[in-house]
PDB file of N, CA and C in Angstrom:
ATOM      1  N   MET A   1      -4.750 109.815 -94.250  1.00  0.00           N
ATOM      2  CA  MET A   1      -3.724 110.732 -93.759  1.00  0.00           C
ATOM      3  C   MET A   1      -3.498 111.800 -94.818  1.00  0.00           C
ATOM      4  N   ASP A   2      -3.167 112.972 -94.349  1.00  0.00           N
ATOM      5  CA  ASP A   2      -2.878 114.026 -95.310  1.00  0.00           C
ATOM      6  C   ASP A   2      -1.380 114.388 -95.269  1.00  0.00           C
ATOM      7  N   ALA A   3      -0.959 115.158 -96.245  1.00  0.00           N
ATOM      8  CA  ALA A   3       0.453 115.522 -96.373  1.00  0.00           C
ATOM      9  C   ALA A   3       0.945 116.342 -95.181  1.00  0.00           C
ATOM     10  N   ASP A   4       0.069 117.164 -94.606  1.00  0.00           N
ATOM     11  CA  ASP A   4       0.474 117.958 -93.438  1.00  0.00           C
ATOM     12  C   ASP A   4       0.795 117.060 -92.248  1.00  0.00           C
ATOM     13  N   PHE A   5       0.017 115.996 -92.075  1.00  0.00           N
ATOM     14  CA  PHE A   5       0.271 115.061 -90.987  1.00  0.00           C
ATOM     15  C   PHE A   5       1.612 114.356 -91.185  1.00  0.00           C
ATOM     16  N   VAL A   6       1.871 113.923 -92.389  1.00  0.00           N
ATOM     17  CA  VAL A   6       3.150 113.268 -92.690  1.00  0.00           C
ATOM     18  C   VAL A   6       4.301 114.236 -92.438  1.00  0.00           C
ATOM     19  N   SER A   7       4.143 115.472 -92.832  1.00  0.00           N
ATOM     20  CA  SER A   7       5.181 116.486 -92.574  1.00  0.00           C
ATOM     21  C   SER A   7       5.388 116.700 -91.087  1.00  0.00           C
ATOM     22  N   LEU A   8       4.323 116.644 -90.322  1.00  0.00           N
ATOM     23  CA  LEU A   8       4.413 116.784 -88.869  1.00  0.00           C
ATOM     24  C   LEU A   8       5.184 115.609 -88.260  1.00  0.00           C
ATOM     25  N   LEU A   9       4.965 114.415 -88.781  1.00  0.00           N
ATOM     26  CA  LEU A   9       5.631 113.218 -88.265  1.00  0.00           C
ATOM     27  C   LEU A   9       7.132 113.184 -88.545  1.00  0.00           C
ATOM     28  N   ARG A  10       7.528 113.593 -89.721  1.00  0.00           N
ATOM     29  CA  ARG A  10       8.910 113.391 -90.185  1.00  0.00           C
ATOM     30  C   ARG A  10      10.007 113.807 -89.196  1.00  0.00           C
ATOM     31  N   PRO A  11       9.931 114.961 -88.558  1.00  0.00           N
ATOM     32  CA  PRO A  11      11.010 115.336 -87.634  1.00  0.00           C
ATOM     33  C   PRO A  11      11.163 114.388 -86.443  1.00  0.00           C
ATOM     34  N   PHE A  12      10.137 113.612 -86.149  1.00  0.00           N
ATOM     35  CA  PHE A  12      10.170 112.681 -85.024  1.00  0.00           C
ATOM     36  C   PHE A  12      10.636 111.287 -85.437  1.00  0.00           C
ATOM     37  N   LEU A  13      10.855 111.080 -86.726  1.00  0.00           N
ATOM     38  CA  LEU A  13      11.176 109.751 -87.257  1.00  0.00           C
ATOM     39  C   LEU A  13      12.526 109.763 -87.966  1.00  0.00           C
ATOM     40  N   PRO A  14      13.622 109.643 -87.230  1.00  0.00           N
ATOM     41  CA  PRO A  14      14.948 109.752 -87.848  1.00  0.00           C
ATOM     42  C   PRO A  14      15.229 108.708 -88.925  1.00  0.00           C
ATOM     43  N   TYR A  15      14.566 107.538 -88.845  1.00  0.00           N
ATOM     44  CA  TYR A  15      14.794 106.511 -89.865  1.00  0.00           C
ATOM     45  C   TYR A  15      13.770 106.575 -90.984  1.00  0.00           C
ATOM     46  N   GLY A  16      12.877 107.552 -90.933  1.00  0.00           N
ATOM     47  CA  GLY A  16      11.827 107.629 -91.935  1.00  0.00           C
ATOM     48  C   GLY A  16      11.856 108.893 -92.757  1.00  0.00           C
ATOM     49  N   ARG A  17      12.930 109.622 -92.654  1.00  0.00           N
ATOM     50  CA  ARG A  17      12.975 110.918 -93.347  1.00  0.00           C
ATOM     51  C   ARG A  17      12.961 110.795 -94.860  1.00  0.00           C
ATOM     52  N   ASP A  18      13.519 109.708 -95.377  1.00  0.00           N
ATOM     53  CA  ASP A  18      13.570 109.533 -96.825  1.00  0.00           C
ATOM     54  C   ASP A  18      12.611 108.455 -97.312  1.00  0.00           C
ATOM     55  N   GLU A  19      11.857 107.865 -96.406  1.00  0.00           N
ATOM     56  CA  GLU A  19      10.928 106.801 -96.769  1.00  0.00           C
ATOM     57  C   GLU A  19       9.518 107.347 -96.942  1.00  0.00           C
ATOM     58  N   GLU A  20       8.739 106.653 -97.744  1.00  0.00           N
ATOM     59  CA  GLU A  20       7.326 106.984 -97.837  1.00  0.00           C
ATOM     60  C   GLU A  20       6.663 106.573 -96.531  1.00  0.00           C
ATOM     61  N   ILE A  21       5.872 107.440 -95.970  1.00  0.00           N
ATOM     62  CA  ILE A  21       5.161 107.130 -94.734  1.00  0.00           C
ATOM     63  C   ILE A  21       3.712 106.864 -95.097  1.00  0.00           C
ATOM     64  N   THR A  22       3.289 105.644 -94.790  1.00  0.00           N
ATOM     65  CA  THR A  22       1.913 105.224 -95.072  1.00  0.00           C
ATOM     66  C   THR A  22       1.201 104.948 -93.751  1.00  0.00           C
ATOM     67  N   GLU A  23      -0.064 104.604 -93.833  1.00  0.00           N
ATOM     68  CA  GLU A  23      -0.820 104.286 -92.628  1.00  0.00           C
ATOM     69  C   GLU A  23      -0.266 103.067 -91.907  1.00  0.00           C
ATOM     70  N   GLN A  24       0.432 102.201 -92.622  1.00  0.00           N
ATOM     71  CA  GLN A  24       1.003 100.997 -92.023  1.00  0.00           C
ATOM     72  C   GLN A  24       2.416 101.213 -91.470  1.00  0.00           C
ATOM     73  N   SER A  25       2.979 102.386 -91.667  1.00  0.00           N
ATOM     74  CA  SER A  25       4.339 102.655 -91.188  1.00  0.00           C
ATOM     75  C   SER A  25       4.397 102.529 -89.673  1.00  0.00           C
ATOM     76  N   ARG A  26       5.309 101.691 -89.207  1.00  0.00           N
ATOM     77  CA  ARG A  26       5.474 101.462 -87.769  1.00  0.00           C
ATOM     78  C   ARG A  26       6.401 102.534 -87.209  1.00  0.00           C
ATOM     79  N   LEU A  27       5.861 103.360 -86.334  1.00  0.00           N
ATOM     80  CA  LEU A  27       6.584 104.538 -85.850  1.00  0.00           C
ATOM     81  C   LEU A  27       7.845 104.178 -85.073  1.00  0.00           C
ATOM     82  N   ARG A  28       7.810 103.132 -84.277  1.00  0.00           N
ATOM     83  CA  ARG A  28       9.010 102.705 -83.543  1.00  0.00           C
ATOM     84  C   ARG A  28      10.106 102.253 -84.508  1.00  0.00           C
ATOM     85  N   ASP A  29       9.715 101.536 -85.552  1.00  0.00           N
ATOM     86  CA  ASP A  29      10.703 101.081 -86.547  1.00  0.00           C
ATOM     87  C   ASP A  29      11.358 102.258 -87.258  1.00  0.00           C
ATOM     88  N   LEU A  30      10.651 103.384 -87.306  1.00  0.00           N
ATOM     89  CA  LEU A  30      11.192 104.576 -87.963  1.00  0.00           C
ATOM     90  C   LEU A  30      11.910 105.494 -86.981  1.00  0.00           C
ATOM     91  N   GLY A  31      12.065 105.033 -85.731  1.00  0.00           N
ATOM     92  CA  GLY A  31      12.894 105.751 -84.775  1.00  0.00           C
ATOM     93  C   GLY A  31      12.179 106.537 -83.698  1.00  0.00           C
ATOM     94  N   LEU A  32      10.861 106.457 -83.619  1.00  0.00           N
ATOM     95  CA  LEU A  32      10.138 107.196 -82.581  1.00  0.00           C
ATOM     96  C   LEU A  32      10.450 106.597 -81.215  1.00  0.00           C
ATOM     97  N   THR A  33      10.885 107.433 -80.285  1.00  0.00           N
ATOM     98  CA  THR A  33      11.175 106.995 -78.924  1.00  0.00           C
ATOM     99  C   THR A  33      10.029 107.396 -78.004  1.00  0.00           C
ATOM    100  N   SER A  34      10.041 106.855 -76.794  1.00  0.00           N
ATOM    101  CA  SER A  34       8.974 107.196 -75.849  1.00  0.00           C
ATOM    102  C   SER A  34       9.009 108.675 -75.481  1.00  0.00           C
ATOM    103  N   MET A  35      10.185 109.255 -75.400  1.00  0.00           N
ATOM    104  CA  MET A  35      10.278 110.692 -75.122  1.00  0.00           C
ATOM    105  C   MET A  35       9.714 111.504 -76.285  1.00  0.00           C
ATOM    106  N   GLN A  36       9.985 111.066 -77.495  1.00  0.00           N
ATOM    107  CA  GLN A  36       9.472 111.771 -78.665  1.00  0.00           C
ATOM    108  C   GLN A  36       7.963 111.613 -78.804  1.00  0.00           C
ATOM    109  N   GLU A  37       7.412 110.514 -78.271  1.00  0.00           N
ATOM    110  CA  GLU A  37       5.954 110.351 -78.295  1.00  0.00           C
ATOM    111  C   GLU A  37       5.279 111.537 -77.618  1.00  0.00           C
ATOM    112  N   ILE A  38       5.840 111.952 -76.498  1.00  0.00           N
ATOM    113  CA  ILE A  38       5.266 113.074 -75.751  1.00  0.00           C
ATOM    114  C   ILE A  38       5.352 114.354 -76.574  1.00  0.00           C
ATOM    115  N   GLU A  39       6.509 114.586 -77.173  1.00  0.00           N
ATOM    116  CA  GLU A  39       6.687 115.778 -78.008  1.00  0.00           C
ATOM    117  C   GLU A  39       5.759 115.736 -79.220  1.00  0.00           C
ATOM    118  N   LEU A  40       5.644 114.558 -79.828  1.00  0.00           N
ATOM    119  CA  LEU A  40       4.757 114.397 -80.973  1.00  0.00           C
ATOM    120  C   LEU A  40       3.303 114.638 -80.557  1.00  0.00           C
ATOM    121  N   LEU A  41       2.934 114.142 -79.395  1.00  0.00           N
ATOM    122  CA  LEU A  41       1.580 114.355 -78.897  1.00  0.00           C
ATOM    123  C   LEU A  41       1.269 115.843 -78.776  1.00  0.00           C
ATOM    124  N   PHE A  42       2.191 116.610 -78.198  1.00  0.00           N
ATOM    125  CA  PHE A  42       1.985 118.056 -78.080  1.00  0.00           C
ATOM    126  C   PHE A  42       1.891 118.710 -79.456  1.00  0.00           C
ATOM    127  N   ALA A  43       2.731 118.281 -80.385  1.00  0.00           N
ATOM    128  CA  ALA A  43       2.709 118.840 -81.740  1.00  0.00           C
ATOM    129  C   ALA A  43       1.375 118.546 -82.431  1.00  0.00           C
ATOM    130  N   VAL A  44       0.878 117.324 -82.261  1.00  0.00           N
ATOM    131  CA  VAL A  44      -0.407 116.935 -82.843  1.00  0.00           C
ATOM    132  C   VAL A  44      -1.532 117.767 -82.245  1.00  0.00           C
ATOM    133  N   GLU A  45      -1.525 117.899 -80.923  1.00  0.00           N
ATOM    134  CA  GLU A  45      -2.578 118.676 -80.272  1.00  0.00           C
ATOM    135  C   GLU A  45      -2.574 120.123 -80.751  1.00  0.00           C
ATOM    136  N   ASP A  46      -1.402 120.709 -80.880  1.00  0.00           N
ATOM    137  CA  ASP A  46      -1.306 122.087 -81.363  1.00  0.00           C
ATOM    138  C   ASP A  46      -1.742 122.217 -82.818  1.00  0.00           C
ATOM    139  N   ALA A  47      -1.250 121.321 -83.656  1.00  0.00           N
ATOM    140  CA  ALA A  47      -1.519 121.420 -85.093  1.00  0.00           C
ATOM    141  C   ALA A  47      -2.976 121.162 -85.442  1.00  0.00           C
ATOM    142  N   TYR A  48      -3.609 120.238 -84.717  1.00  0.00           N
ATOM    143  CA  TYR A  48      -4.975 119.844 -85.081  1.00  0.00           C
ATOM    144  C   TYR A  48      -6.035 120.354 -84.115  1.00  0.00           C
ATOM    145  N   GLY A  49      -5.624 121.123 -83.108  1.00  0.00           N
ATOM    146  CA  GLY A  49      -6.582 121.722 -82.199  1.00  0.00           C
ATOM    147  C   GLY A  49      -7.385 120.718 -81.394  1.00  0.00           C
ATOM    148  N   VAL A  50      -6.734 119.642 -80.982  1.00  0.00           N
ATOM    149  CA  VAL A  50      -7.406 118.608 -80.196  1.00  0.00           C
ATOM    150  C   VAL A  50      -6.691 118.426 -78.864  1.00  0.00           C
ATOM    151  N   GLN A  51      -7.385 117.810 -77.932  1.00  0.00           N
ATOM    152  CA  GLN A  51      -6.811 117.406 -76.648  1.00  0.00           C
ATOM    153  C   GLN A  51      -6.997 115.906 -76.554  1.00  0.00           C
ATOM    154  N   VAL A  52      -5.912 115.171 -76.402  1.00  0.00           N
ATOM    155  CA  VAL A  52      -6.009 113.723 -76.282  1.00  0.00           C
ATOM    156  C   VAL A  52      -6.183 113.387 -74.799  1.00  0.00           C
ATOM    157  N   PRO A  53      -7.327 112.820 -74.436  1.00  0.00           N
ATOM    158  CA  PRO A  53      -7.545 112.453 -73.030  1.00  0.00           C
ATOM    159  C   PRO A  53      -6.546 111.376 -72.594  1.00  0.00           C
ATOM    160  N   ASP A  54      -6.115 111.453 -71.355  1.00  0.00           N
ATOM    161  CA  ASP A  54      -5.142 110.494 -70.828  1.00  0.00           C
ATOM    162  C   ASP A  54      -5.590 109.053 -71.019  1.00  0.00           C
ATOM    163  N   GLU A  55      -6.875 108.798 -70.867  1.00  0.00           N
ATOM    164  CA  GLU A  55      -7.352 107.417 -70.979  1.00  0.00           C
ATOM    165  C   GLU A  55      -7.257 106.870 -72.408  1.00  0.00           C
ATOM    166  N   MET A  56      -7.037 107.733 -73.378  1.00  0.00           N
ATOM    167  CA  MET A  56      -6.886 107.280 -74.760  1.00  0.00           C
ATOM    168  C   MET A  56      -5.427 107.022 -75.122  1.00  0.00           C
ATOM    169  N   LEU A  57      -4.514 107.418 -74.256  1.00  0.00           N
ATOM    170  CA  LEU A  57      -3.092 107.248 -74.547  1.00  0.00           C
ATOM    171  C   LEU A  57      -2.639 105.830 -74.235  1.00  0.00           C
ATOM    172  N   SER A  58      -1.963 105.238 -75.202  1.00  0.00           N
ATOM    173  CA  SER A  58      -1.386 103.909 -75.024  1.00  0.00           C
ATOM    174  C   SER A  58      -0.302 103.722 -76.070  1.00  0.00           C
ATOM    175  N   ASP A  59       0.521 102.717 -75.863  1.00  0.00           N
ATOM    176  CA  ASP A  59       1.547 102.408 -76.854  1.00  0.00           C
ATOM    177  C   ASP A  59       0.912 102.057 -78.193  1.00  0.00           C
ATOM    178  N   ARG A  60      -0.268 101.479 -78.151  1.00  0.00           N
ATOM    179  CA  ARG A  60      -0.955 101.078 -79.380  1.00  0.00           C
ATOM    180  C   ARG A  60      -1.244 102.287 -80.285  1.00  0.00           C
ATOM    181  N   ILE A  61      -1.562 103.427 -79.690  1.00  0.00           N
ATOM    182  CA  ILE A  61      -1.854 104.634 -80.471  1.00  0.00           C
ATOM    183  C   ILE A  61      -0.646 105.047 -81.304  1.00  0.00           C
ATOM    184  N   PHE A  62       0.543 104.846 -80.755  1.00  0.00           N
ATOM    185  CA  PHE A  62       1.763 105.241 -81.451  1.00  0.00           C
ATOM    186  C   PHE A  62       2.386 104.090 -82.231  1.00  0.00           C
ATOM    187  N   GLU A  63       1.667 102.996 -82.386  1.00  0.00           N
ATOM    188  CA  GLU A  63       2.192 101.841 -83.102  1.00  0.00           C
ATOM    189  C   GLU A  63       2.418 102.138 -84.587  1.00  0.00           C
ATOM    190  N   THR A  64       1.400 102.708 -85.227  1.00  0.00           N
ATOM    191  CA  THR A  64       1.535 103.057 -86.645  1.00  0.00           C
ATOM    192  C   THR A  64       1.045 104.485 -86.866  1.00  0.00           C
ATOM    193  N   SER A  65       1.461 105.046 -87.969  1.00  0.00           N
ATOM    194  CA  SER A  65       0.998 106.400 -88.287  1.00  0.00           C
ATOM    195  C   SER A  65      -0.508 106.400 -88.513  1.00  0.00           C
ATOM    196  N   GLY A  66      -1.045 105.321 -89.052  1.00  0.00           N
ATOM    197  CA  GLY A  66      -2.479 105.224 -89.286  1.00  0.00           C
ATOM    198  C   GLY A  66      -3.287 105.234 -88.005  1.00  0.00           C
ATOM    199  N   ARG A  67      -2.809 104.561 -86.984  1.00  0.00           N
ATOM    200  CA  ARG A  67      -3.517 104.551 -85.693  1.00  0.00           C
ATOM    201  C   ARG A  67      -3.552 105.956 -85.088  1.00  0.00           C
ATOM    202  N   LEU A  68      -2.413 106.642 -85.149  1.00  0.00           N
ATOM    203  CA  LEU A  68      -2.363 107.998 -84.610  1.00  0.00           C
ATOM    204  C   LEU A  68      -3.271 108.917 -85.419  1.00  0.00           C
ATOM    205  N   TRP A  69      -3.243 108.768 -86.739  1.00  0.00           N
ATOM    206  CA  TRP A  69      -4.098 109.589 -87.597  1.00  0.00           C
ATOM    207  C   TRP A  69      -5.576 109.363 -87.282  1.00  0.00           C
ATOM    208  N   CYS A  70      -5.970 108.122 -87.063  1.00  0.00           N
ATOM    209  CA  CYS A  70      -7.374 107.842 -86.775  1.00  0.00           C
ATOM    210  C   CYS A  70      -7.795 108.387 -85.408  1.00  0.00           C
ATOM    211  N   LEU A  71      -6.880 108.407 -84.453  1.00  0.00           N
ATOM    212  CA  LEU A  71      -7.193 109.040 -83.171  1.00  0.00           C
ATOM    213  C   LEU A  71      -7.454 110.529 -83.380  1.00  0.00           C
ATOM    214  N   ILE A  72      -6.595 111.172 -84.138  1.00  0.00           N
ATOM    215  CA  ILE A  72      -6.784 112.594 -84.447  1.00  0.00           C
ATOM    216  C   ILE A  72      -8.135 112.792 -85.131  1.00  0.00           C
ATOM    217  N   SER A  73      -8.421 111.938 -86.087  1.00  0.00           N
ATOM    218  CA  SER A  73      -9.679 112.044 -86.831  1.00  0.00           C
ATOM    219  C   SER A  73     -10.879 111.889 -85.926  1.00  0.00           C
ATOM    220  N   GLU A  74     -10.805 110.921 -85.023  1.00  0.00           N
ATOM    221  CA  GLU A  74     -11.898 110.691 -84.087  1.00  0.00           C
ATOM    222  C   GLU A  74     -12.113 111.925 -83.208  1.00  0.00           C
ATOM    223  N   LEU A  75     -11.044 112.487 -82.710  1.00  0.00           N
ATOM    224  CA  LEU A  75     -11.153 113.663 -81.852  1.00  0.00           C
ATOM    225  C   LEU A  75     -11.655 114.874 -82.627  1.00  0.00           C
ATOM    226  N   ARG A  76     -11.228 115.019 -83.860  1.00  0.00           N
ATOM    227  CA  ARG A  76     -11.703 116.155 -84.663  1.00  0.00           C
ATOM    228  C   ARG A  76     -13.160 115.975 -85.046  1.00  0.00           C
ATOM    229  N   ALA A  77     -13.595 114.753 -85.253  1.00  0.00           N
ATOM    230  CA  ALA A  77     -14.998 114.511 -85.586  1.00  0.00           C
ATOM    231  C   ALA A  77     -15.897 114.939 -84.434  1.00  0.00           C
ATOM    232  N   GLU A  78     -15.405 114.755 -83.210  1.00  0.00           N
ATOM    233  CA  GLU A  78     -16.173 115.168 -82.037  1.00  0.00           C
ATOM    234  C   GLU A  78     -16.351 116.684 -81.998  1.00  0.00           C
ATOM    235  N   THR A  79     -15.401 117.406 -82.603  1.00  0.00           N
ATOM    236  CA  THR A  79     -15.490 118.869 -82.624  1.00  0.00           C
ATOM    237  C   THR A  79     -16.098 119.370 -83.931  1.00  0.00           C
ATOM    238  N   GLY A  80     -16.538 118.434 -84.795  1.00  0.00           N
ATOM    239  CA  GLY A  80     -17.165 118.817 -86.050  1.00  0.00           C
ATOM    240  C   GLY A  80     -16.186 119.079 -87.175  1.00  0.00           C
ATOM    241  N   ASP A  81     -14.947 118.620 -87.029  1.00  0.00           N
ATOM    242  CA  ASP A  81     -13.921 118.866 -88.052  1.00  0.00           C
ATOM    243  C   ASP A  81     -13.205 117.555 -88.374  1.00  0.00           C
ATOM    244  N   PRO A  82     -13.873 116.615 -89.058  1.00  0.00           N
ATOM    245  CA  PRO A  82     -13.250 115.324 -89.336  1.00  0.00           C
ATOM    246  C   PRO A  82     -12.092 115.437 -90.320  1.00  0.00           C
ATOM    247  N   THR A  83     -11.091 114.566 -90.138  1.00  0.00           N
ATOM    248  CA  THR A  83      -9.941 114.588 -91.029  1.00  0.00           C
ATOM    249  C   THR A  83      -9.687 113.248 -91.688  1.00  0.00           C
ATOM    250  N   CYS A  84     -10.171 112.155 -91.122  1.00  0.00           N
ATOM    251  CA  CYS A  84      -9.895 110.811 -91.665  1.00  0.00           C
ATOM    252  C   CYS A  84     -11.084 110.363 -92.498  1.00  0.00           C
ATOM    253  N   GLN A  85     -10.823 110.017 -93.709  1.00  0.00           N
ATOM    254  CA  GLN A  85     -11.899 109.576 -94.612  1.00  0.00           C
ATOM    255  C   GLN A  85     -12.006 108.071 -94.551  1.00  0.00           C
TER     256      GLN A  85
END
């Protein structure tokens, strides 16, 4: 994960604003709601220039910041712009 991704997440995580966000950070525990998942999805798509196919969307994707980051990375790798090392 990079610092820009963490910065993108913070406004959606009311309980995680002062905490370190790692790949293991559980987004629901940090306050992410189902409505915010949709907003976060749009923000991710805009920021990283990806489109998340409906069939890839699940609660599991939003379980941890690391899972969401790896989805972004997978989608960017398909476009030739990998982000997850």
